[in-house]
Amino acid sequence: MPDADGFGEHQLGAIAYVTPVPALAFLLFEPYRGNRFIRFHSYQCLFLTFAAIVLGAVTGIISIFHLLEGLLSNAFQIALLLMWALAAYRAWQGEEFRLPVIGAFAARHAYE
């Protein structure tokens, strides 16, 4: 059922994955922070963003030493992009799709 702004919770859950900005906004402002579905996807987006930053730093350090010449970094970037797209698509479909490891943290925070 669409809200007054014309978006339903499924669409808002998918929008949370666009960047961390809508995810943070959904966690800060009512009525979105009261919706468990939106809160779950917002947390999952934020945790995925954190994981991307950490993996980027680690693979950047590894590439300084010329190990695998950035291949590892590219593989992680592609995997993260696919996880982001899959999570957004499943949210749009109305599913609470949990990414490995990250999904458990998101569920724990969303359902407190």
N, C-alpha and C. Protein backbone atom coordinates (compact mmCIF):
# COMPACT_ATOMS: atom_id res chain seq x y z
N MET A 1 0.84 -1.17 0.00
CA MET A 1 0.00 0.00 0.00
C MET A 1 0.89 1.24 0.00
N PRO A 2 0.72 2.12 -0.98
CA PRO A 2 1.54 3.32 -1.02
C PRO A 2 1.26 4.26 0.14
N ASP A 3 2.35 4.94 0.58
CA ASP A 3 2.21 5.96 1.60
C ASP A 3 1.69 7.23 0.97
N ALA A 4 1.58 8.28 1.77
CA ALA A 4 1.11 9.57 1.28
C ALA A 4 2.06 10.12 0.21
N ASP A 5 3.34 9.74 0.26
CA ASP A 5 4.30 10.24 -0.72
C ASP A 5 4.28 9.43 -2.02
N GLY A 6 3.44 8.40 -2.11
CA GLY A 6 3.28 7.63 -3.33
C GLY A 6 4.14 6.38 -3.41
N PHE A 7 4.98 6.16 -2.43
CA PHE A 7 5.84 4.99 -2.43
C PHE A 7 5.38 4.01 -1.37
N GLY A 8 5.41 2.73 -1.69
CA GLY A 8 5.12 1.70 -0.72
C GLY A 8 6.40 1.31 0.00
N GLU A 9 6.26 0.48 1.03
CA GLU A 9 7.44 0.09 1.80
C GLU A 9 8.45 -0.69 0.96
N HIS A 10 7.98 -1.44 -0.04
CA HIS A 10 8.89 -2.21 -0.88
C HIS A 10 9.77 -1.27 -1.70
N GLN A 11 9.17 -0.25 -2.28
CA GLN A 11 9.95 0.70 -3.06
C GLN A 11 10.92 1.49 -2.17
N LEU A 12 10.46 1.86 -0.98
CA LEU A 12 11.33 2.59 -0.06
C LEU A 12 12.48 1.72 0.42
N GLY A 13 12.24 0.43 0.62
CA GLY A 13 13.31 -0.49 0.98
C GLY A 13 14.36 -0.57 -0.12
N ALA A 14 13.92 -0.56 -1.37
CA ALA A 14 14.86 -0.58 -2.50
C ALA A 14 15.59 0.75 -2.62
N ILE A 15 14.91 1.85 -2.37
CA ILE A 15 15.54 3.17 -2.44
C ILE A 15 16.64 3.31 -1.40
N ALA A 16 16.52 2.61 -0.29
CA ALA A 16 17.55 2.66 0.75
C ALA A 16 18.91 2.24 0.21
N TYR A 17 18.94 1.44 -0.85
CA TYR A 17 20.20 0.95 -1.40
C TYR A 17 20.83 1.90 -2.42
N VAL A 18 20.15 2.97 -2.78
CA VAL A 18 20.69 3.87 -3.80
C VAL A 18 22.03 4.46 -3.34
N THR A 19 22.06 5.01 -2.17
CA THR A 19 23.28 5.49 -1.51
C THR A 19 23.02 5.38 -0.01
N PRO A 20 24.02 5.60 0.81
CA PRO A 20 23.77 5.58 2.25
C PRO A 20 22.89 6.75 2.73
N VAL A 21 22.74 7.79 1.93
CA VAL A 21 21.97 8.96 2.34
C VAL A 21 20.50 8.63 2.61
N PRO A 22 19.78 7.99 1.66
CA PRO A 22 18.39 7.65 1.98
C PRO A 22 18.29 6.64 3.12
N ALA A 23 19.25 5.73 3.21
CA ALA A 23 19.24 4.76 4.31
C ALA A 23 19.32 5.47 5.65
N LEU A 24 20.21 6.44 5.76
CA LEU A 24 20.32 7.22 7.00
C LEU A 24 19.06 8.03 7.27
N ALA A 25 18.51 8.63 6.22
CA ALA A 25 17.29 9.42 6.38
C ALA A 25 16.13 8.55 6.86
N PHE A 26 16.03 7.34 6.31
CA PHE A 26 14.95 6.44 6.73
C PHE A 26 15.10 6.02 8.19
N LEU A 27 16.34 5.96 8.67
CA LEU A 27 16.55 5.59 10.07
C LEU A 27 16.33 6.76 11.02
N LEU A 28 16.40 7.96 10.51
CA LEU A 28 16.27 9.14 11.37
C LEU A 28 14.86 9.71 11.44
N PHE A 29 14.10 9.60 10.36
CA PHE A 29 12.82 10.31 10.28
C PHE A 29 11.63 9.37 10.32
N GLU A 30 10.61 9.84 11.00
CA GLU A 30 9.32 9.15 11.01
C GLU A 30 8.61 9.46 9.70
N PRO A 31 7.78 8.63 9.22
CA PRO A 31 7.30 7.36 9.74
C PRO A 31 8.19 6.18 9.34
N TYR A 32 9.27 6.46 8.61
CA TYR A 32 10.09 5.39 8.06
C TYR A 32 10.84 4.59 9.12
N ARG A 33 11.33 5.25 10.15
CA ARG A 33 12.09 4.52 11.16
C ARG A 33 11.22 3.59 11.98
N GLY A 34 9.92 3.75 11.91
CA GLY A 34 9.00 2.85 12.60
C GLY A 34 8.64 1.61 11.81
N ASN A 35 9.04 1.57 10.55
CA ASN A 35 8.72 0.45 9.67
C ASN A 35 9.89 -0.54 9.67
N ARG A 36 9.65 -1.75 10.13
CA ARG A 36 10.73 -2.75 10.26
C ARG A 36 11.35 -3.13 8.92
N PHE A 37 10.53 -3.23 7.89
CA PHE A 37 11.03 -3.61 6.57
C PHE A 37 12.02 -2.56 6.05
N ILE A 38 11.63 -1.31 6.12
CA ILE A 38 12.49 -0.21 5.66
C ILE A 38 13.73 -0.11 6.55
N ARG A 39 13.54 -0.28 7.85
CA ARG A 39 14.67 -0.20 8.78
C ARG A 39 15.68 -1.32 8.50
N PHE A 40 15.19 -2.53 8.24
CA PHE A 40 16.09 -3.64 7.93
C PHE A 40 16.94 -3.32 6.70
N HIS A 41 16.30 -2.89 5.62
CA HIS A 41 17.04 -2.63 4.39
C HIS A 41 17.96 -1.42 4.53
N SER A 42 17.58 -0.46 5.34
CA SER A 42 18.46 0.69 5.59
C SER A 42 19.72 0.24 6.34
N TYR A 43 19.55 -0.57 7.36
CA TYR A 43 20.72 -1.07 8.09
C TYR A 43 21.58 -1.95 7.20
N GLN A 44 20.95 -2.79 6.41
CA GLN A 44 21.73 -3.67 5.54
C GLN A 44 22.54 -2.85 4.55
N CYS A 45 21.97 -1.78 4.02
CA CYS A 45 22.70 -0.90 3.12
C CYS A 45 23.89 -0.26 3.82
N LEU A 46 23.69 0.22 5.04
CA LEU A 46 24.78 0.86 5.77
C LEU A 46 25.89 -0.13 6.10
N PHE A 47 25.54 -1.35 6.50
CA PHE A 47 26.55 -2.36 6.79
C PHE A 47 27.28 -2.79 5.51
N LEU A 48 26.56 -2.85 4.40
CA LEU A 48 27.20 -3.19 3.13
C LEU A 48 28.15 -2.07 2.71
N THR A 49 27.77 -0.84 2.95
CA THR A 49 28.65 0.30 2.65
C THR A 49 29.92 0.22 3.49
N PHE A 50 29.75 -0.08 4.78
CA PHE A 50 30.92 -0.22 5.66
C PHE A 50 31.82 -1.35 5.18
N ALA A 51 31.24 -2.47 4.80
CA ALA A 51 32.03 -3.60 4.29
C ALA A 51 32.77 -3.21 3.01
N ALA A 52 32.12 -2.44 2.15
CA ALA A 52 32.78 -1.99 0.91
C ALA A 52 33.97 -1.10 1.21
N ILE A 53 33.84 -0.23 2.20
CA ILE A 53 34.95 0.65 2.57
C ILE A 53 36.11 -0.16 3.13
N VAL A 54 35.80 -1.10 4.02
CA VAL A 54 36.85 -1.92 4.62
C VAL A 54 37.54 -2.78 3.56
N LEU A 55 36.76 -3.44 2.72
CA LEU A 55 37.35 -4.28 1.67
C LEU A 55 38.15 -3.45 0.68
N GLY A 56 37.67 -2.25 0.39
CA GLY A 56 38.42 -1.36 -0.50
C GLY A 56 39.77 -0.98 0.09
N ALA A 57 39.79 -0.70 1.38
CA ALA A 57 41.05 -0.36 2.04
C ALA A 57 42.00 -1.55 2.05
N VAL A 58 41.47 -2.72 2.39
CA VAL A 58 42.32 -3.91 2.44
C VAL A 58 42.87 -4.26 1.07
N THR A 59 42.02 -4.26 0.05
CA THR A 59 42.51 -4.60 -1.29
C THR A 59 43.43 -3.50 -1.83
N GLY A 60 43.21 -2.27 -1.40
CA GLY A 60 44.12 -1.20 -1.79
C GLY A 60 45.50 -1.40 -1.21
N ILE A 61 45.56 -1.82 0.03
CA ILE A 61 46.84 -2.11 0.67
C ILE A 61 47.52 -3.29 -0.01
N ILE A 62 46.74 -4.31 -0.31
CA ILE A 62 47.30 -5.49 -0.98
C ILE A 62 47.85 -5.10 -2.35
N SER A 63 47.15 -4.24 -3.07
CA SER A 63 47.60 -3.87 -4.41
C SER A 63 48.86 -3.01 -4.38
N ILE A 64 49.12 -2.35 -3.24
CA ILE A 64 50.37 -1.60 -3.11
C ILE A 64 51.56 -2.55 -3.23
N PHE A 65 51.41 -3.72 -2.70
CA PHE A 65 52.47 -4.72 -2.75
C PHE A 65 52.44 -5.54 -4.04
N HIS A 66 51.61 -5.11 -4.98
CA HIS A 66 51.50 -5.74 -6.30
C HIS A 66 51.12 -7.21 -6.25
N LEU A 67 50.35 -7.57 -5.27
CA LEU A 67 49.84 -8.93 -5.21
C LEU A 67 48.55 -8.98 -6.01
N LEU A 68 48.55 -9.75 -7.01
CA LEU A 68 47.40 -9.96 -7.90
C LEU A 68 47.07 -8.74 -8.74
N GLU A 69 47.89 -7.69 -8.67
CA GLU A 69 47.77 -6.52 -9.53
C GLU A 69 46.34 -5.96 -9.65
N GLY A 70 45.65 -5.87 -8.56
CA GLY A 70 44.33 -5.25 -8.54
C GLY A 70 43.19 -6.18 -8.94
N LEU A 71 43.52 -7.39 -9.32
CA LEU A 71 42.48 -8.35 -9.72
C LEU A 71 41.54 -8.64 -8.55
N LEU A 72 42.10 -8.78 -7.38
CA LEU A 72 41.30 -9.03 -6.18
C LEU A 72 40.36 -7.86 -5.91
N SER A 73 40.88 -6.66 -6.05
CA SER A 73 40.07 -5.46 -5.83
C SER A 73 38.89 -5.41 -6.80
N ASN A 74 39.15 -5.68 -8.06
CA ASN A 74 38.09 -5.67 -9.07
C ASN A 74 37.04 -6.74 -8.79
N ALA A 75 37.48 -7.91 -8.37
CA ALA A 75 36.54 -8.99 -8.07
C ALA A 75 35.64 -8.61 -6.90
N PHE A 76 36.22 -8.01 -5.85
CA PHE A 76 35.41 -7.58 -4.72
C PHE A 76 34.43 -6.49 -5.12
N GLN A 77 34.85 -5.55 -5.95
CA GLN A 77 33.96 -4.48 -6.38
C GLN A 77 32.79 -5.02 -7.17
N ILE A 78 33.04 -5.96 -8.04
CA ILE A 78 31.96 -6.58 -8.83
C ILE A 78 31.02 -7.34 -7.91
N ALA A 79 31.57 -8.10 -6.97
CA ALA A 79 30.74 -8.86 -6.03
C ALA A 79 29.88 -7.92 -5.19
N LEU A 80 30.44 -6.83 -4.71
CA LEU A 80 29.66 -5.86 -3.91
C LEU A 80 28.57 -5.21 -4.75
N LEU A 81 28.87 -4.88 -5.98
CA LEU A 81 27.86 -4.28 -6.87
C LEU A 81 26.71 -5.26 -7.11
N LEU A 82 27.04 -6.52 -7.31
CA LEU A 82 26.00 -7.53 -7.51
C LEU A 82 25.16 -7.73 -6.25
N MET A 83 25.81 -7.70 -5.07
CA MET A 83 25.05 -7.83 -3.82
C MET A 83 24.11 -6.64 -3.63
N TRP A 84 24.59 -5.43 -3.94
CA TRP A 84 23.76 -4.25 -3.83
C TRP A 84 22.55 -4.35 -4.75
N ALA A 85 22.79 -4.72 -5.99
CA ALA A 85 21.70 -4.83 -6.96
C ALA A 85 20.70 -5.90 -6.56
N LEU A 86 21.20 -7.06 -6.11
CA LEU A 86 20.32 -8.14 -5.70
C LEU A 86 19.48 -7.75 -4.49
N ALA A 87 20.11 -7.12 -3.50
CA ALA A 87 19.38 -6.70 -2.31
C ALA A 87 18.31 -5.67 -2.65
N ALA A 88 18.63 -4.72 -3.50
CA ALA A 88 17.65 -3.70 -3.90
C ALA A 88 16.49 -4.34 -4.68
N TYR A 89 16.81 -5.24 -5.58
CA TYR A 89 15.77 -5.92 -6.36
C TYR A 89 14.85 -6.74 -5.46
N ARG A 90 15.44 -7.48 -4.52
CA ARG A 90 14.62 -8.31 -3.63
C ARG A 90 13.77 -7.44 -2.71
N ALA A 91 14.30 -6.28 -2.28
CA ALA A 91 13.50 -5.35 -1.47
C ALA A 91 12.33 -4.84 -2.30
N TRP A 92 12.56 -4.52 -3.55
CA TRP A 92 11.50 -4.04 -4.45
C TRP A 92 10.41 -5.11 -4.59
N GLN A 93 10.82 -6.37 -4.56
CA GLN A 93 9.88 -7.48 -4.66
C GLN A 93 9.17 -7.77 -3.34
N GLY A 94 9.58 -7.07 -2.28
CA GLY A 94 8.92 -7.24 -0.98
C GLY A 94 9.56 -8.29 -0.10
N GLU A 95 10.76 -8.74 -0.45
CA GLU A 95 11.43 -9.78 0.32
C GLU A 95 12.43 -9.16 1.29
N GLU A 96 12.57 -9.80 2.43
CA GLU A 96 13.61 -9.41 3.37
C GLU A 96 14.81 -10.30 3.10
N PHE A 97 15.48 -10.04 2.01
CA PHE A 97 16.62 -10.85 1.60
C PHE A 97 17.82 -10.48 2.46
N ARG A 98 18.39 -11.49 3.13
CA ARG A 98 19.53 -11.25 4.01
C ARG A 98 20.82 -11.66 3.32
N LEU A 99 21.70 -10.69 3.19
CA LEU A 99 23.03 -10.98 2.67
C LEU A 99 23.79 -11.80 3.71
N PRO A 100 24.73 -12.64 3.28
CA PRO A 100 25.51 -13.41 4.25
C PRO A 100 26.22 -12.48 5.24
N VAL A 101 26.21 -12.82 6.48
CA VAL A 101 26.82 -12.12 7.61
C VAL A 101 26.18 -10.75 7.84
N ILE A 102 26.17 -9.91 6.84
CA ILE A 102 25.63 -8.55 6.97
C ILE A 102 24.15 -8.57 7.30
N GLY A 103 23.41 -9.48 6.69
CA GLY A 103 21.97 -9.57 6.93
C GLY A 103 21.63 -9.87 8.38
N ALA A 104 22.43 -10.68 9.02
CA ALA A 104 22.18 -11.00 10.43
C ALA A 104 22.37 -9.77 11.31
N PHE A 105 23.41 -8.98 11.03
CA PHE A 105 23.61 -7.74 11.79
C PHE A 105 22.47 -6.76 11.54
N ALA A 106 22.04 -6.66 10.30
CA ALA A 106 20.95 -5.75 9.96
C ALA A 106 19.66 -6.16 10.65
N ALA A 107 19.36 -7.44 10.65
CA ALA A 107 18.14 -7.93 11.30
C ALA A 107 18.19 -7.67 12.81
N ARG A 108 19.36 -7.89 13.41
CA ARG A 108 19.49 -7.66 14.85
C ARG A 108 19.22 -6.19 15.19
N HIS A 109 19.72 -5.27 14.38
CA HIS A 109 19.52 -3.84 14.65
C HIS A 109 18.10 -3.38 14.28
N ALA A 110 17.56 -3.94 13.22
CA ALA A 110 16.25 -3.50 12.74
C ALA A 110 15.13 -3.95 13.68
N TYR A 111 15.30 -5.08 14.33
CA TYR A 111 14.23 -5.64 15.15
C TYR A 111 14.42 -5.44 16.63
N GLU A 112 15.33 -4.55 17.03
CA GLU A 112 15.50 -4.23 18.45
C GLU A 112 14.34 -3.42 18.95
